[in-house]
Amino acid sequence: MIDEDARARLTRRFGTGVSAWIDALPDLVATLTARWGLTNPTHVPGGTGATFLCTGGVLKLTPDHDIAVHEARALAAWAGTPAMVDLLDADLTRGALLLETIAPGTPAADPAKVVPHLHEANPAGFPPLKARVDFLFETVLTRRTGTYYATEHHRARKLADDNVTPVLLHGDMHPGNVLQGPRGPVAIDPRACVGDPAVDWLDLVHGGYDLHGADVDLDRVHEWLTAFKPFYG
């Protein structure tokens, strides 16, 4: 159902206990594809679970059901904008989301176009940016590098505390999370949080993309890039 590289990645992310979930994937996929009328599931890599491109939709599964709950809430908050992938259905007791198929689904040429639209959504009820900052430094970066960057973490936490009008952030905005769809560029895989809009521009500014309708002072973006320098090393 998934290859050894995907199994290893999930084990690094969730620990050895994820093996039982991986072994049960064929039955889970069979149950959900039958329920939603999906066919031809094809596995594609994913960071927090397993994603299957199917005829009829995209099936996204995670062993951490809280991740599915959080993403479903975020997609509901962005349901009014064509800049975010649509949630068609969900089975949160199984950690499953059914998403629209984005065709052609190639990397968007102008990923920055989605950001201002995402920031228009209601941010009420989502976790603060500081929680996302802590997760990135204490978990993601430390696991990736074996080093805890205390100085940069402290700088990022201070920036997150600044008196800036908060917006609903994608939380993992990079060019790979924006695909070309029939209605233009479409964002996927949000890690929604509330805070400084500059954070959603970091990878786009770092990557040299044209900034369409940037809703933030670029000096502010560069302050964040300094704090997040270990992620770009």
C-alpha atoms as a PDB file:
ATOM      1  CA  MET A   1       0.000   0.000   0.000  1.00  0.00           C
ATOM      2  CA  ILE A   2       2.917   2.342   0.781  1.00  0.00           C
ATOM      3  CA  ASP A   3       6.622   1.835   0.107  1.00  0.00           C
ATOM      4  CA  GLU A   4       9.433   1.455   2.609  1.00  0.00           C
ATOM      5  CA  ASP A   5      10.497   5.083   2.326  1.00  0.00           C
ATOM      6  CA  ALA A   6       7.007   6.214   3.298  1.00  0.00           C
ATOM      7  CA  ARG A   7       6.924   3.731   6.174  1.00  0.00           C
ATOM      8  CA  ALA A   8      10.270   5.037   7.439  1.00  0.00           C
ATOM      9  CA  ARG A   9       9.088   8.646   7.190  1.00  0.00           C
ATOM     10  CA  LEU A  10       5.924   7.908   9.146  1.00  0.00           C
ATOM     11  CA  THR A  11       7.914   6.034  11.771  1.00  0.00           C
ATOM     12  CA  ARG A  12      10.207   9.039  12.206  1.00  0.00           C
ATOM     13  CA  ARG A  13       7.177  11.292  12.536  1.00  0.00           C
ATOM     14  CA  PHE A  14       4.991   9.160  14.821  1.00  0.00           C
ATOM     15  CA  GLY A  15       7.258   6.520  16.357  1.00  0.00           C
ATOM     16  CA  THR A  16       7.294   2.746  16.033  1.00  0.00           C
ATOM     17  CA  GLY A  17       3.683   2.506  17.206  1.00  0.00           C
ATOM     18  CA  VAL A  18       2.553   3.713  13.783  1.00  0.00           C
ATOM     19  CA  SER A  19       3.348   0.294  12.280  1.00  0.00           C
ATOM     20  CA  ALA A  20      -0.059  -1.091  13.220  1.00  0.00           C
ATOM     21  CA  TRP A  21      -1.776   1.830  11.486  1.00  0.00           C
ATOM     22  CA  ILE A  22       0.337   1.320   8.364  1.00  0.00           C
ATOM     23  CA  ASP A  23      -0.437  -2.399   8.302  1.00  0.00           C
ATOM     24  CA  ALA A  24      -4.159  -1.607   8.544  1.00  0.00           C
ATOM     25  CA  LEU A  25      -4.066   0.925   5.680  1.00  0.00           C
ATOM     26  CA  PRO A  26      -5.268  -1.453   2.929  1.00  0.00           C
ATOM     27  CA  ASP A  27      -8.481  -2.222   4.811  1.00  0.00           C
ATOM     28  CA  LEU A  28      -8.964   1.433   5.760  1.00  0.00           C
ATOM     29  CA  VAL A  29      -8.498   2.598   2.182  1.00  0.00           C
ATOM     30  CA  ALA A  30     -10.853  -0.102   0.914  1.00  0.00           C
ATOM     31  CA  THR A  31     -13.538   0.935   3.411  1.00  0.00           C
ATOM     32  CA  LEU A  32     -13.329   4.632   2.606  1.00  0.00           C
ATOM     33  CA  THR A  33     -13.039   4.312  -1.159  1.00  0.00           C
ATOM     34  CA  ALA A  34     -16.168   2.136  -1.131  1.00  0.00           C
ATOM     35  CA  ARG A  35     -17.988   4.617   1.105  1.00  0.00           C
ATOM     36  CA  TRP A  36     -17.157   7.622  -1.086  1.00  0.00           C
ATOM     37  CA  GLY A  37     -17.269   5.931  -4.484  1.00  0.00           C
ATOM     38  CA  LEU A  38     -13.561   6.360  -5.184  1.00  0.00           C
ATOM     39  CA  THR A  39     -11.493   4.168  -7.493  1.00  0.00           C
ATOM     40  CA  ASN A  40      -7.865   3.671  -8.513  1.00  0.00           C
ATOM     41  CA  PRO A  41      -6.167   4.901  -5.313  1.00  0.00           C
ATOM     42  CA  THR A  42      -2.533   5.852  -5.930  1.00  0.00           C
ATOM     43  CA  HIS A  43      -0.292   6.717  -2.989  1.00  0.00           C
ATOM     44  CA  VAL A  44       1.603  10.020  -2.983  1.00  0.00           C
ATOM     45  CA  PRO A  45       4.061  11.182  -0.298  1.00  0.00           C
ATOM     46  CA  GLY A  46       2.742  13.187   2.640  1.00  0.00           C
ATOM     47  CA  GLY A  47       4.152  14.624   5.829  1.00  0.00           C
ATOM     48  CA  THR A  48       1.555  13.636   8.407  1.00  0.00           C
ATOM     49  CA  GLY A  49       0.003  10.475   7.015  1.00  0.00           C
ATOM     50  CA  ALA A  50      -0.830   8.894   3.677  1.00  0.00           C
ATOM     51  CA  THR A  51      -2.541  10.546   0.720  1.00  0.00           C
ATOM     52  CA  PHE A  52      -4.137   8.714  -2.188  1.00  0.00           C
ATOM     53  CA  LEU A  53      -5.068  10.259  -5.508  1.00  0.00           C
ATOM     54  CA  CYS A  54      -8.279   8.576  -6.611  1.00  0.00           C
ATOM     55  CA  THR A  55     -10.791   8.859  -9.377  1.00  0.00           C
ATOM     56  CA  GLY A  56     -13.437  10.939  -7.642  1.00  0.00           C
ATOM     57  CA  GLY A  57     -11.304  12.792  -5.105  1.00  0.00           C
ATOM     58  CA  VAL A  58      -8.208  12.829  -2.934  1.00  0.00           C
ATOM     59  CA  LEU A  59      -8.207  10.627   0.166  1.00  0.00           C
ATOM     60  CA  LYS A  60      -6.037  11.968   2.975  1.00  0.00           C
ATOM     61  CA  LEU A  61      -5.407   9.826   6.056  1.00  0.00           C
ATOM     62  CA  THR A  62      -3.476  10.368   9.265  1.00  0.00           C
ATOM     63  CA  PRO A  63      -2.892   8.202  12.342  1.00  0.00           C
ATOM     64  CA  ASP A  64      -3.188  11.358  14.474  1.00  0.00           C
ATOM     65  CA  HIS A  65      -6.889  12.129  14.333  1.00  0.00           C
ATOM     66  CA  ASP A  66      -6.360  15.545  15.938  1.00  0.00           C
ATOM     67  CA  ILE A  67      -4.469  16.580  12.794  1.00  0.00           C
ATOM     68  CA  ALA A  68      -7.466  15.646  10.654  1.00  0.00           C
ATOM     69  CA  VAL A  69      -9.851  17.510  12.973  1.00  0.00           C
ATOM     70  CA  HIS A  70      -7.698  20.639  12.878  1.00  0.00           C
ATOM     71  CA  GLU A  71      -7.341  20.561   9.092  1.00  0.00           C
ATOM     72  CA  ALA A  72     -11.061  20.002   8.593  1.00  0.00           C
ATOM     73  CA  ARG A  73     -11.818  23.051  10.758  1.00  0.00           C
ATOM     74  CA  ALA A  74      -9.324  25.127   8.803  1.00  0.00           C
ATOM     75  CA  LEU A  75     -10.734  24.062   5.439  1.00  0.00           C
ATOM     76  CA  ALA A  76     -14.217  24.957   6.674  1.00  0.00           C
ATOM     77  CA  ALA A  77     -12.967  28.437   7.626  1.00  0.00           C
ATOM     78  CA  TRP A  78     -11.562  28.862   4.102  1.00  0.00           C
ATOM     79  CA  ALA A  79     -14.569  27.365   2.328  1.00  0.00           C
ATOM     80  CA  GLY A  80     -15.484  30.775   0.923  1.00  0.00           C
ATOM     81  CA  THR A  81     -12.279  31.274  -1.034  1.00  0.00           C
ATOM     82  CA  PRO A  82     -11.208  29.511  -4.245  1.00  0.00           C
ATOM     83  CA  ALA A  83      -7.612  29.935  -3.046  1.00  0.00           C
ATOM     84  CA  MET A  84      -7.883  26.851  -0.780  1.00  0.00           C
ATOM     85  CA  VAL A  85      -8.651  23.241  -1.659  1.00  0.00           C
ATOM     86  CA  ASP A  86     -12.259  22.216  -0.966  1.00  0.00           C
ATOM     87  CA  LEU A  87     -13.167  19.681   1.693  1.00  0.00           C
ATOM     88  CA  LEU A  88     -15.785  17.356   0.195  1.00  0.00           C
ATOM     89  CA  ASP A  89     -16.346  15.101   3.221  1.00  0.00           C
ATOM     90  CA  ALA A  90     -14.623  13.747   6.306  1.00  0.00           C
ATOM     91  CA  ASP A  91     -14.607  10.761   8.643  1.00  0.00           C
ATOM     92  CA  LEU A  92     -12.795  12.204  11.620  1.00  0.00           C
ATOM     93  CA  THR A  93     -13.212   9.045  13.683  1.00  0.00           C
ATOM     94  CA  ARG A  94     -10.868   7.431  11.145  1.00  0.00           C
ATOM     95  CA  GLY A  95      -8.618  10.451  10.605  1.00  0.00           C
ATOM     96  CA  ALA A  96      -9.854  10.745   7.014  1.00  0.00           C
ATOM     97  CA  LEU A  97     -10.488  13.721   4.757  1.00  0.00           C
ATOM     98  CA  LEU A  98     -11.935  13.647   1.243  1.00  0.00           C
ATOM     99  CA  LEU A  99     -10.611  16.570  -0.784  1.00  0.00           C
ATOM    100  CA  GLU A 100     -11.342  17.843  -4.246  1.00  0.00           C
ATOM    101  CA  THR A 101      -9.041  16.830  -7.067  1.00  0.00           C
ATOM    102  CA  ILE A 102      -6.955  19.748  -8.293  1.00  0.00           C
ATOM    103  CA  ALA A 103      -6.225  19.446 -11.995  1.00  0.00           C
ATOM    104  CA  PRO A 104      -3.687  19.593 -13.441  1.00  0.00           C
ATOM    105  CA  GLY A 105      -2.191  19.748  -9.936  1.00  0.00           C
ATOM    106  CA  THR A 106       1.209  20.923 -11.107  1.00  0.00           C
ATOM    107  CA  PRO A 107       3.172  23.463  -9.037  1.00  0.00           C
ATOM    108  CA  ALA A 108       1.565  26.887  -9.385  1.00  0.00           C
ATOM    109  CA  ALA A 109       3.567  29.467 -11.299  1.00  0.00           C
ATOM    110  CA  ASP A 110       2.371  32.269  -9.001  1.00  0.00           C
ATOM    111  CA  PRO A 111       1.903  30.720  -5.557  1.00  0.00           C
ATOM    112  CA  ALA A 112       1.951  34.114  -3.827  1.00  0.00           C
ATOM    113  CA  LYS A 113      -1.455  34.955  -5.302  1.00  0.00           C
ATOM    114  CA  VAL A 114      -3.249  32.761  -2.762  1.00  0.00           C
ATOM    115  CA  VAL A 115      -1.849  34.375   0.396  1.00  0.00           C
ATOM    116  CA  PRO A 116      -3.889  37.610   0.652  1.00  0.00           C
ATOM    117  CA  HIS A 117      -7.096  35.657   0.039  1.00  0.00           C
ATOM    118  CA  LEU A 118      -6.303  33.168   2.805  1.00  0.00           C
ATOM    119  CA  HIS A 119      -5.718  36.020   5.250  1.00  0.00           C
ATOM    120  CA  GLU A 120      -9.292  37.263   4.746  1.00  0.00           C
ATOM    121  CA  ALA A 121     -10.835  34.305   6.636  1.00  0.00           C
ATOM    122  CA  ASN A 122     -12.143  34.511  10.196  1.00  0.00           C
ATOM    123  CA  PRO A 123      -9.272  33.605  12.568  1.00  0.00           C
ATOM    124  CA  ALA A 124     -11.458  32.906  15.610  1.00  0.00           C
ATOM    125  CA  GLY A 125     -10.870  29.637  17.421  1.00  0.00           C
ATOM    126  CA  PHE A 126      -7.496  28.659  16.007  1.00  0.00           C
ATOM    127  CA  PRO A 127      -4.256  28.262  18.011  1.00  0.00           C
ATOM    128  CA  PRO A 128      -1.806  31.161  18.249  1.00  0.00           C
ATOM    129  CA  LEU A 129       1.256  31.487  16.069  1.00  0.00           C
ATOM    130  CA  LYS A 130       3.480  31.081  19.112  1.00  0.00           C
ATOM    131  CA  ALA A 131       2.310  27.470  19.474  1.00  0.00           C
ATOM    132  CA  ARG A 132       3.265  26.824  15.860  1.00  0.00           C
ATOM    133  CA  VAL A 133       6.665  28.467  16.432  1.00  0.00           C
ATOM    134  CA  ASP A 134       7.314  26.226  19.446  1.00  0.00           C
ATOM    135  CA  PHE A 135       6.384  23.111  17.484  1.00  0.00           C
ATOM    136  CA  LEU A 136       8.653  24.036  14.582  1.00  0.00           C
ATOM    137  CA  PHE A 137      11.697  24.764  16.730  1.00  0.00           C
ATOM    138  CA  GLU A 138      11.256  22.154  19.456  1.00  0.00           C
ATOM    139  CA  THR A 139      10.044  19.287  17.296  1.00  0.00           C
ATOM    140  CA  VAL A 140      10.588  19.726  13.569  1.00  0.00           C
ATOM    141  CA  LEU A 141      13.932  21.538  13.531  1.00  0.00           C
ATOM    142  CA  THR A 142      15.416  19.694  16.499  1.00  0.00           C
ATOM    143  CA  ARG A 143      14.466  16.325  15.020  1.00  0.00           C
ATOM    144  CA  ARG A 144      15.838  17.328  11.622  1.00  0.00           C
ATOM    145  CA  THR A 145      19.174  18.751  12.794  1.00  0.00           C
ATOM    146  CA  GLY A 146      19.774  17.267  16.226  1.00  0.00           C
ATOM    147  CA  THR A 147      20.307  20.816  17.498  1.00  0.00           C
ATOM    148  CA  TYR A 148      18.027  23.087  19.489  1.00  0.00           C
ATOM    149  CA  TYR A 149      18.367  26.679  18.258  1.00  0.00           C
ATOM    150  CA  ALA A 150      17.457  28.526  21.447  1.00  0.00           C
ATOM    151  CA  THR A 151      18.464  32.032  20.318  1.00  0.00           C
ATOM    152  CA  GLU A 152      16.482  31.899  17.097  1.00  0.00           C
ATOM    153  CA  HIS A 153      13.529  30.305  18.875  1.00  0.00           C
ATOM    154  CA  HIS A 154      13.488  33.126  21.413  1.00  0.00           C
ATOM    155  CA  ARG A 155      13.660  35.719  18.604  1.00  0.00           C
ATOM    156  CA  ALA A 156      10.734  34.090  16.804  1.00  0.00           C
ATOM    157  CA  ARG A 157       8.652  33.963  19.985  1.00  0.00           C
ATOM    158  CA  LYS A 158       9.263  37.690  20.527  1.00  0.00           C
ATOM    159  CA  LEU A 159       8.158  38.447  16.977  1.00  0.00           C
ATOM    160  CA  ALA A 160       5.021  36.373  17.519  1.00  0.00           C
ATOM    161  CA  ASP A 161       4.223  38.518  20.578  1.00  0.00           C
ATOM    162  CA  ASP A 162       4.466  41.821  18.689  1.00  0.00           C
ATOM    163  CA  ASN A 163       1.386  43.990  18.363  1.00  0.00           C
ATOM    164  CA  VAL A 164       0.483  43.093  14.768  1.00  0.00           C
ATOM    165  CA  THR A 165      -3.062  42.681  13.497  1.00  0.00           C
ATOM    166  CA  PRO A 166      -3.497  38.889  13.455  1.00  0.00           C
ATOM    167  CA  VAL A 167      -4.867  36.893  10.541  1.00  0.00           C
ATOM    168  CA  LEU A 168      -5.647  33.246   9.913  1.00  0.00           C
ATOM    169  CA  LEU A 169      -2.355  31.842   8.654  1.00  0.00           C
ATOM    170  CA  HIS A 170      -1.861  28.865   6.385  1.00  0.00           C
ATOM    171  CA  GLY A 171       1.009  27.964   8.701  1.00  0.00           C
ATOM    172  CA  ASP A 172       3.012  25.914   6.197  1.00  0.00           C
ATOM    173  CA  MET A 173       2.998  28.180   3.174  1.00  0.00           C
ATOM    174  CA  HIS A 174       5.654  27.200   0.662  1.00  0.00           C
ATOM    175  CA  PRO A 175       5.537  26.782  -3.129  1.00  0.00           C
ATOM    176  CA  GLY A 176       5.089  23.020  -2.863  1.00  0.00           C
ATOM    177  CA  ASN A 177       1.788  23.587  -1.059  1.00  0.00           C
ATOM    178  CA  VAL A 178       0.253  25.612  -3.897  1.00  0.00           C
ATOM    179  CA  LEU A 179      -0.973  23.734  -6.961  1.00  0.00           C
ATOM    180  CA  GLN A 180      -2.317  24.930 -10.272  1.00  0.00           C
ATOM    181  CA  GLY A 181      -6.039  24.333 -10.598  1.00  0.00           C
ATOM    182  CA  PRO A 182      -8.723  25.266 -13.116  1.00  0.00           C
ATOM    183  CA  ARG A 183      -9.577  28.399 -11.101  1.00  0.00           C
ATOM    184  CA  GLY A 184      -5.954  29.432 -10.582  1.00  0.00           C
ATOM    185  CA  PRO A 185      -3.471  28.605  -7.812  1.00  0.00           C
ATOM    186  CA  VAL A 186      -4.913  26.584  -4.916  1.00  0.00           C
ATOM    187  CA  ALA A 187      -3.323  26.059  -1.492  1.00  0.00           C
ATOM    188  CA  ILE A 188      -3.253  22.645   0.195  1.00  0.00           C
ATOM    189  CA  ASP A 189      -2.071  21.116   3.491  1.00  0.00           C
ATOM    190  CA  PRO A 190      -2.695  24.015   5.907  1.00  0.00           C
ATOM    191  CA  ARG A 191      -1.426  24.052   9.490  1.00  0.00           C
ATOM    192  CA  ALA A 192      -3.725  26.876  10.508  1.00  0.00           C
ATOM    193  CA  CYS A 193      -2.811  29.267  13.295  1.00  0.00           C
ATOM    194  CA  VAL A 194      -3.430  32.924  14.104  1.00  0.00           C
ATOM    195  CA  GLY A 195      -0.820  35.637  14.035  1.00  0.00           C
ATOM    196  CA  ASP A 196       1.487  37.866  12.017  1.00  0.00           C
ATOM    197  CA  PRO A 197       0.688  37.723   8.265  1.00  0.00           C
ATOM    198  CA  ALA A 198       4.410  38.020   7.525  1.00  0.00           C
ATOM    199  CA  VAL A 199       4.917  34.355   8.411  1.00  0.00           C
ATOM    200  CA  ASP A 200       3.007  33.104   5.370  1.00  0.00           C
ATOM    201  CA  TRP A 201       5.316  35.115   3.097  1.00  0.00           C
ATOM    202  CA  LEU A 202       8.649  33.736   4.325  1.00  0.00           C
ATOM    203  CA  ASP A 203       9.269  30.943   1.816  1.00  0.00           C
ATOM    204  CA  LEU A 204       7.912  33.039  -1.045  1.00  0.00           C
ATOM    205  CA  VAL A 205      10.206  35.974  -0.302  1.00  0.00           C
ATOM    206  CA  HIS A 206      13.136  33.634   0.314  1.00  0.00           C
ATOM    207  CA  GLY A 207      12.427  31.903  -2.986  1.00  0.00           C
ATOM    208  CA  GLY A 208      12.314  35.160  -4.940  1.00  0.00           C
ATOM    209  CA  TYR A 209       8.687  34.865  -6.065  1.00  0.00           C
ATOM    210  CA  ASP A 210       6.701  37.871  -7.252  1.00  0.00           C
ATOM    211  CA  LEU A 211       4.547  39.091  -4.390  1.00  0.00           C
ATOM    212  CA  HIS A 212       0.989  39.729  -5.530  1.00  0.00           C
ATOM    213  CA  GLY A 213      -0.899  42.017  -3.160  1.00  0.00           C
ATOM    214  CA  ALA A 214       1.434  41.423  -0.215  1.00  0.00           C
ATOM    215  CA  ASP A 215      -0.420  42.428   2.944  1.00  0.00           C
ATOM    216  CA  VAL A 216       2.690  42.991   5.050  1.00  0.00           C
ATOM    217  CA  ASP A 217       5.782  45.160   5.360  1.00  0.00           C
ATOM    218  CA  LEU A 218       8.661  43.262   3.757  1.00  0.00           C
ATOM    219  CA  ASP A 219      11.016  44.496   6.477  1.00  0.00           C
ATOM    220  CA  ARG A 220       8.858  42.491   8.843  1.00  0.00           C
ATOM    221  CA  VAL A 221       9.247  39.414   6.646  1.00  0.00           C
ATOM    222  CA  HIS A 222      13.018  39.763   6.761  1.00  0.00           C
ATOM    223  CA  GLU A 223      12.931  39.952  10.572  1.00  0.00           C
ATOM    224  CA  TRP A 224      11.158  36.605  10.560  1.00  0.00           C
ATOM    225  CA  LEU A 225      13.606  35.196   8.019  1.00  0.00           C
ATOM    226  CA  THR A 226      16.439  36.075  10.381  1.00  0.00           C
ATOM    227  CA  ALA A 227      14.698  34.209  13.217  1.00  0.00           C
ATOM    228  CA  PHE A 228      13.957  31.251  10.946  1.00  0.00           C
ATOM    229  CA  LYS A 229      17.442  31.139   9.418  1.00  0.00           C
ATOM    230  CA  PRO A 230      18.120  27.574  10.701  1.00  0.00           C
ATOM    231  CA  PHE A 231      15.269  26.289   8.532  1.00  0.00           C
ATOM    232  CA  TYR A 232      16.942  27.675   5.413  1.00  0.00           C
ATOM    233  CA  GLY A 233      20.459  26.436   6.101  1.00  0.00           C
END
